[in-house]
């Protein structure tokens, strides 16, 4: 969650494919940092557990990170307990794919009065 795209690039494949909540596609860690900078004033993870399984292809490993997010919305209001799941596909020690899901959109819709809590 540290917005350091340069350091993150050491762990990703040049063919990295990222899919964020809402189906947003990205190809570089800097795009993730920019997206989060627009959605949150700041955000951190409380990792509750990680799960590792064999991947779909030869020599692939899938890692799931599950937990909650906490931080501040752009207006400075604090939040915590926002569930997330990150799924990483690794090949030859590098992240080739990353999928990100969390409850932020739902929480923002409740805050805007668009849906009931």
N, C-alpha and C. Protein backbone atom coordinates (compact mmCIF):
# COMPACT_ATOMS: atom_id res chain seq x y z
N UNK A 1 0.81 -1.20 0.00
CA UNK A 1 0.00 0.00 0.00
C UNK A 1 0.86 1.27 0.00
N UNK A 2 2.15 1.12 0.11
CA UNK A 2 3.01 2.29 -0.01
C UNK A 2 3.04 2.70 -1.47
N UNK A 3 2.68 3.93 -1.77
CA UNK A 3 2.64 4.34 -3.17
C UNK A 3 4.04 4.57 -3.73
N UNK A 4 4.75 3.48 -3.99
CA UNK A 4 6.11 3.56 -4.52
C UNK A 4 6.17 2.69 -5.77
N UNK A 5 5.63 3.19 -6.89
CA UNK A 5 5.59 2.38 -8.11
C UNK A 5 6.96 1.89 -8.56
N UNK A 6 7.99 2.69 -8.38
CA UNK A 6 9.32 2.28 -8.83
C UNK A 6 9.77 1.03 -8.08
N UNK A 7 9.58 1.00 -6.76
CA UNK A 7 9.97 -0.18 -5.98
C UNK A 7 9.08 -1.37 -6.32
N UNK A 8 7.81 -1.13 -6.55
CA UNK A 8 6.87 -2.22 -6.87
C UNK A 8 7.24 -2.89 -8.20
N UNK A 9 7.77 -2.14 -9.13
CA UNK A 9 8.12 -2.70 -10.46
C UNK A 9 9.14 -3.83 -10.36
N UNK A 10 9.91 -3.87 -9.29
CA UNK A 10 10.89 -4.95 -9.12
C UNK A 10 10.22 -6.30 -8.93
N UNK A 11 8.92 -6.29 -8.58
CA UNK A 11 8.21 -7.54 -8.28
C UNK A 11 7.20 -7.93 -9.35
N UNK A 12 7.13 -7.17 -10.45
CA UNK A 12 6.12 -7.45 -11.46
C UNK A 12 6.75 -7.78 -12.81
N UNK A 13 6.02 -8.56 -13.57
CA UNK A 13 6.42 -8.92 -14.92
C UNK A 13 6.18 -7.75 -15.87
N UNK A 14 6.97 -7.63 -16.93
CA UNK A 14 6.69 -6.60 -17.93
C UNK A 14 5.32 -6.77 -18.58
N UNK A 15 4.77 -7.98 -18.53
CA UNK A 15 3.44 -8.26 -19.10
C UNK A 15 2.32 -8.12 -18.07
N UNK A 16 2.57 -7.43 -16.98
CA UNK A 16 1.60 -7.28 -15.89
C UNK A 16 0.23 -6.81 -16.40
N UNK A 17 -0.82 -7.49 -15.92
CA UNK A 17 -2.19 -7.07 -16.18
C UNK A 17 -2.87 -6.87 -14.84
N UNK A 18 -3.46 -5.70 -14.64
CA UNK A 18 -4.12 -5.36 -13.38
C UNK A 18 -5.58 -5.07 -13.68
N UNK A 19 -6.46 -5.60 -12.84
CA UNK A 19 -7.88 -5.28 -12.96
C UNK A 19 -8.37 -4.86 -11.58
N UNK A 20 -8.76 -3.59 -11.47
CA UNK A 20 -9.25 -3.02 -10.22
C UNK A 20 -10.76 -3.13 -10.15
N UNK A 21 -11.31 -2.79 -9.00
CA UNK A 21 -12.76 -2.77 -8.82
C UNK A 21 -13.41 -1.98 -9.95
N UNK A 22 -14.59 -2.43 -10.34
CA UNK A 22 -15.29 -1.78 -11.44
C UNK A 22 -14.76 -2.18 -12.80
N UNK A 23 -13.84 -3.14 -12.86
CA UNK A 23 -13.30 -3.61 -14.13
C UNK A 23 -12.25 -2.69 -14.73
N UNK A 24 -11.71 -1.76 -13.95
CA UNK A 24 -10.68 -0.84 -14.46
C UNK A 24 -9.40 -1.62 -14.75
N UNK A 25 -8.87 -1.47 -15.94
CA UNK A 25 -7.65 -2.20 -16.30
C UNK A 25 -6.45 -1.26 -16.25
N UNK A 26 -5.34 -1.83 -15.81
CA UNK A 26 -4.09 -1.08 -15.67
C UNK A 26 -2.95 -2.02 -16.03
N UNK A 27 -1.79 -1.45 -16.27
CA UNK A 27 -0.62 -2.26 -16.62
C UNK A 27 0.63 -1.88 -15.84
N UNK A 28 0.53 -0.91 -14.94
CA UNK A 28 1.71 -0.44 -14.22
C UNK A 28 1.33 -0.05 -12.80
N UNK A 29 2.20 -0.33 -11.82
CA UNK A 29 1.91 0.05 -10.44
C UNK A 29 1.61 1.54 -10.25
N UNK A 30 2.16 2.40 -11.08
CA UNK A 30 1.89 3.84 -10.96
C UNK A 30 0.41 4.14 -11.19
N UNK A 31 -0.24 3.38 -12.05
CA UNK A 31 -1.66 3.58 -12.29
C UNK A 31 -2.48 3.23 -11.05
N UNK A 32 -2.07 2.21 -10.32
CA UNK A 32 -2.76 1.84 -9.07
C UNK A 32 -2.62 2.96 -8.04
N UNK A 33 -1.40 3.48 -7.90
CA UNK A 33 -1.17 4.57 -6.94
C UNK A 33 -1.99 5.80 -7.31
N UNK A 34 -2.08 6.12 -8.59
CA UNK A 34 -2.85 7.28 -9.03
C UNK A 34 -4.34 7.08 -8.76
N UNK A 35 -4.84 5.87 -9.01
CA UNK A 35 -6.25 5.59 -8.75
C UNK A 35 -6.56 5.74 -7.27
N UNK A 36 -5.71 5.14 -6.42
CA UNK A 36 -5.93 5.23 -4.97
C UNK A 36 -5.81 6.67 -4.47
N UNK A 37 -4.93 7.46 -5.05
CA UNK A 37 -4.77 8.86 -4.64
C UNK A 37 -6.04 9.66 -4.92
N UNK A 38 -6.79 9.27 -5.93
CA UNK A 38 -8.04 9.95 -6.23
C UNK A 38 -9.21 9.47 -5.40
N UNK A 39 -9.13 8.26 -4.91
CA UNK A 39 -10.24 7.68 -4.15
C UNK A 39 -10.11 7.90 -2.65
N UNK A 40 -8.88 7.95 -2.14
CA UNK A 40 -8.64 8.06 -0.71
C UNK A 40 -7.66 9.20 -0.43
N UNK A 41 -7.81 9.81 0.75
CA UNK A 41 -6.77 10.75 1.21
C UNK A 41 -5.54 9.92 1.56
N UNK A 42 -5.77 8.80 2.24
CA UNK A 42 -4.76 7.79 2.46
C UNK A 42 -5.47 6.48 2.80
N UNK A 43 -4.80 5.37 2.55
CA UNK A 43 -5.39 4.05 2.80
C UNK A 43 -4.28 3.06 3.14
N UNK A 44 -4.60 2.15 4.05
CA UNK A 44 -3.68 1.07 4.45
C UNK A 44 -4.48 -0.22 4.55
N UNK A 45 -3.77 -1.34 4.60
CA UNK A 45 -4.40 -2.66 4.71
C UNK A 45 -4.12 -3.28 6.07
N UNK A 46 -5.13 -3.98 6.57
CA UNK A 46 -4.94 -4.92 7.68
C UNK A 46 -5.09 -6.30 7.07
N UNK A 47 -3.98 -6.94 6.83
CA UNK A 47 -4.01 -8.26 6.21
C UNK A 47 -4.42 -9.28 7.27
N UNK A 48 -5.53 -9.96 7.03
CA UNK A 48 -6.01 -10.97 7.97
C UNK A 48 -5.43 -12.34 7.65
N UNK A 49 -5.28 -12.62 6.35
CA UNK A 49 -4.67 -13.90 5.99
C UNK A 49 -4.26 -13.86 4.51
N UNK A 50 -3.35 -14.76 4.17
CA UNK A 50 -2.99 -14.98 2.78
C UNK A 50 -3.18 -16.47 2.49
N UNK A 51 -3.57 -16.76 1.27
CA UNK A 51 -3.77 -18.13 0.84
C UNK A 51 -3.02 -18.32 -0.47
N UNK A 52 -2.32 -19.43 -0.58
CA UNK A 52 -1.54 -19.73 -1.77
C UNK A 52 -2.03 -21.05 -2.36
N UNK A 53 -2.27 -21.03 -3.68
CA UNK A 53 -2.74 -22.24 -4.36
C UNK A 53 -1.97 -22.39 -5.68
N UNK A 54 -2.01 -23.60 -6.23
CA UNK A 54 -1.41 -23.81 -7.55
C UNK A 54 -2.19 -23.01 -8.58
N UNK A 55 -1.49 -22.51 -9.57
CA UNK A 55 -2.13 -21.69 -10.60
C UNK A 55 -2.72 -22.51 -11.72
N UNK A 56 -3.32 -21.82 -12.67
CA UNK A 56 -3.95 -22.47 -13.81
C UNK A 56 -2.96 -22.93 -14.85
N UNK A 57 -1.80 -22.34 -14.88
CA UNK A 57 -0.79 -22.71 -15.87
C UNK A 57 0.40 -23.35 -15.19
N UNK A 58 1.29 -23.90 -16.02
CA UNK A 58 2.50 -24.50 -15.44
C UNK A 58 3.35 -23.45 -14.75
N UNK A 59 3.86 -23.80 -13.61
CA UNK A 59 4.73 -22.94 -12.81
C UNK A 59 4.08 -21.62 -12.40
N UNK A 60 2.74 -21.62 -12.26
CA UNK A 60 2.04 -20.44 -11.75
C UNK A 60 1.60 -20.70 -10.32
N UNK A 61 1.64 -19.66 -9.52
CA UNK A 61 1.13 -19.70 -8.16
C UNK A 61 0.15 -18.55 -8.02
N UNK A 62 -0.97 -18.83 -7.34
CA UNK A 62 -1.97 -17.80 -7.08
C UNK A 62 -1.95 -17.50 -5.59
N UNK A 63 -1.85 -16.22 -5.25
CA UNK A 63 -1.83 -15.78 -3.86
C UNK A 63 -3.01 -14.85 -3.64
N UNK A 64 -3.80 -15.15 -2.61
CA UNK A 64 -4.91 -14.29 -2.21
C UNK A 64 -4.52 -13.59 -0.92
N UNK A 65 -4.77 -12.29 -0.88
CA UNK A 65 -4.59 -11.51 0.34
C UNK A 65 -5.97 -11.01 0.74
N UNK A 66 -6.39 -11.33 1.96
CA UNK A 66 -7.73 -10.96 2.44
C UNK A 66 -7.60 -10.17 3.73
N UNK A 67 -8.45 -9.16 3.87
CA UNK A 67 -8.43 -8.36 5.08
C UNK A 67 -9.34 -7.17 4.96
N UNK A 68 -8.94 -6.09 5.62
CA UNK A 68 -9.74 -4.86 5.59
C UNK A 68 -8.85 -3.66 5.31
N UNK A 69 -9.47 -2.63 4.76
CA UNK A 69 -8.80 -1.36 4.52
C UNK A 69 -9.20 -0.38 5.61
N UNK A 70 -8.30 0.53 5.93
CA UNK A 70 -8.63 1.64 6.82
C UNK A 70 -7.90 2.87 6.31
N UNK A 71 -8.42 4.04 6.63
CA UNK A 71 -7.79 5.27 6.17
C UNK A 71 -8.73 6.44 6.25
N UNK A 72 -8.61 7.35 5.29
CA UNK A 72 -9.46 8.53 5.23
C UNK A 72 -9.95 8.72 3.80
N UNK A 73 -11.22 9.12 3.69
CA UNK A 73 -11.78 9.51 2.40
C UNK A 73 -11.18 10.86 2.03
N UNK A 74 -11.34 11.30 0.79
CA UNK A 74 -10.77 12.60 0.39
C UNK A 74 -11.19 13.78 1.27
N UNK A 75 -12.39 13.71 1.87
CA UNK A 75 -12.84 14.82 2.73
C UNK A 75 -12.27 14.75 4.15
N UNK A 76 -11.42 13.75 4.42
CA UNK A 76 -10.80 13.61 5.74
C UNK A 76 -11.56 12.72 6.70
N UNK A 77 -12.73 12.24 6.31
CA UNK A 77 -13.50 11.33 7.18
C UNK A 77 -12.80 9.99 7.29
N UNK A 78 -12.63 9.48 8.51
CA UNK A 78 -11.96 8.19 8.66
C UNK A 78 -12.89 7.03 8.31
N UNK A 79 -12.27 5.92 7.94
CA UNK A 79 -13.02 4.68 7.75
C UNK A 79 -12.14 3.51 8.17
N UNK A 80 -12.78 2.40 8.49
CA UNK A 80 -12.07 1.16 8.78
C UNK A 80 -13.04 0.01 8.59
N UNK A 81 -12.50 -1.19 8.44
CA UNK A 81 -13.35 -2.36 8.27
C UNK A 81 -13.84 -2.58 6.86
N UNK A 82 -13.26 -1.89 5.89
CA UNK A 82 -13.64 -2.01 4.48
C UNK A 82 -12.98 -3.27 3.92
N UNK A 83 -13.79 -4.30 3.65
CA UNK A 83 -13.23 -5.59 3.21
C UNK A 83 -12.54 -5.48 1.86
N UNK A 84 -11.47 -6.27 1.69
CA UNK A 84 -10.80 -6.36 0.40
C UNK A 84 -10.34 -7.79 0.14
N UNK A 85 -10.18 -8.11 -1.14
CA UNK A 85 -9.53 -9.33 -1.59
C UNK A 85 -8.62 -8.93 -2.74
N UNK A 86 -7.36 -9.26 -2.65
CA UNK A 86 -6.41 -9.07 -3.75
C UNK A 86 -5.98 -10.46 -4.20
N UNK A 87 -5.99 -10.68 -5.51
CA UNK A 87 -5.56 -11.95 -6.09
C UNK A 87 -4.37 -11.68 -7.00
N UNK A 88 -3.27 -12.36 -6.74
CA UNK A 88 -2.05 -12.21 -7.52
C UNK A 88 -1.73 -13.53 -8.20
N UNK A 89 -1.34 -13.47 -9.47
CA UNK A 89 -0.82 -14.64 -10.17
C UNK A 89 0.67 -14.39 -10.36
N UNK A 90 1.47 -15.35 -9.89
CA UNK A 90 2.92 -15.24 -10.00
C UNK A 90 3.46 -16.31 -10.94
N UNK A 91 4.41 -15.93 -11.75
CA UNK A 91 5.10 -16.86 -12.62
C UNK A 91 6.58 -16.51 -12.59
N UNK A 92 7.39 -17.50 -12.32
CA UNK A 92 8.84 -17.31 -12.22
C UNK A 92 9.19 -16.20 -11.23
N UNK A 93 8.43 -16.12 -10.13
CA UNK A 93 8.71 -15.18 -9.06
C UNK A 93 8.23 -13.76 -9.27
N UNK A 94 7.54 -13.50 -10.39
CA UNK A 94 7.05 -12.15 -10.67
C UNK A 94 5.53 -12.14 -10.78
N UNK A 95 4.91 -11.05 -10.38
CA UNK A 95 3.47 -10.90 -10.49
C UNK A 95 3.12 -10.63 -11.94
N UNK A 96 2.28 -11.49 -12.51
CA UNK A 96 1.85 -11.32 -13.91
C UNK A 96 0.43 -10.78 -14.00
N UNK A 97 -0.34 -11.01 -12.95
CA UNK A 97 -1.72 -10.56 -12.94
C UNK A 97 -2.12 -10.19 -11.53
N UNK A 98 -2.95 -9.14 -11.42
CA UNK A 98 -3.44 -8.71 -10.11
C UNK A 98 -4.89 -8.30 -10.27
N UNK A 99 -5.74 -8.84 -9.42
CA UNK A 99 -7.16 -8.47 -9.38
C UNK A 99 -7.46 -7.92 -8.00
N UNK A 100 -8.20 -6.80 -7.95
CA UNK A 100 -8.46 -6.09 -6.71
C UNK A 100 -9.96 -5.91 -6.53
N UNK A 101 -10.48 -6.34 -5.38
CA UNK A 101 -11.89 -6.12 -5.03
C UNK A 101 -11.95 -5.54 -3.62
N UNK A 102 -12.86 -4.59 -3.40
CA UNK A 102 -13.11 -4.08 -2.05
C UNK A 102 -14.49 -3.44 -1.99
N UNK A 103 -14.90 -3.07 -0.79
CA UNK A 103 -16.24 -2.51 -0.56
C UNK A 103 -16.30 -0.99 -0.73
N UNK A 104 -15.24 -0.34 -1.18
CA UNK A 104 -15.22 1.12 -1.23
C UNK A 104 -16.38 1.72 -2.02
N UNK A 105 -16.70 1.17 -3.18
CA UNK A 105 -17.79 1.74 -3.99
C UNK A 105 -19.11 1.67 -3.23
N UNK A 106 -19.39 0.54 -2.59
CA UNK A 106 -20.61 0.41 -1.79
C UNK A 106 -20.64 1.44 -0.67
N UNK A 107 -19.51 1.59 0.02
CA UNK A 107 -19.45 2.53 1.13
C UNK A 107 -19.67 3.96 0.63
N UNK A 108 -19.09 4.30 -0.52
CA UNK A 108 -19.27 5.65 -1.07
C UNK A 108 -20.72 5.88 -1.49
N UNK A 109 -21.38 4.85 -2.01
CA UNK A 109 -22.79 4.98 -2.39
C UNK A 109 -23.67 5.20 -1.17
N UNK A 110 -23.38 4.53 -0.07
CA UNK A 110 -24.13 4.74 1.18
C UNK A 110 -23.91 6.17 1.66
N UNK A 111 -22.66 6.63 1.67
CA UNK A 111 -22.34 7.99 2.11
C UNK A 111 -23.08 9.04 1.27
N UNK A 112 -23.26 8.75 -0.02
CA UNK A 112 -23.94 9.68 -0.92
C UNK A 112 -25.46 9.56 -0.84
N UNK A 113 -25.96 8.60 -0.04
CA UNK A 113 -27.40 8.42 0.08
C UNK A 113 -28.04 7.72 -1.10
N UNK A 114 -27.24 7.06 -1.92
CA UNK A 114 -27.76 6.38 -3.10
C UNK A 114 -28.33 5.00 -2.79
N UNK A 115 -27.83 4.37 -1.72
CA UNK A 115 -28.35 3.07 -1.29
C UNK A 115 -28.42 3.07 0.24
N UNK A 116 -29.25 2.19 0.76
CA UNK A 116 -29.38 2.06 2.21
C UNK A 116 -28.18 1.31 2.77
N UNK A 117 -27.79 1.62 4.01
CA UNK A 117 -26.67 0.90 4.63
C UNK A 117 -27.01 -0.55 4.90
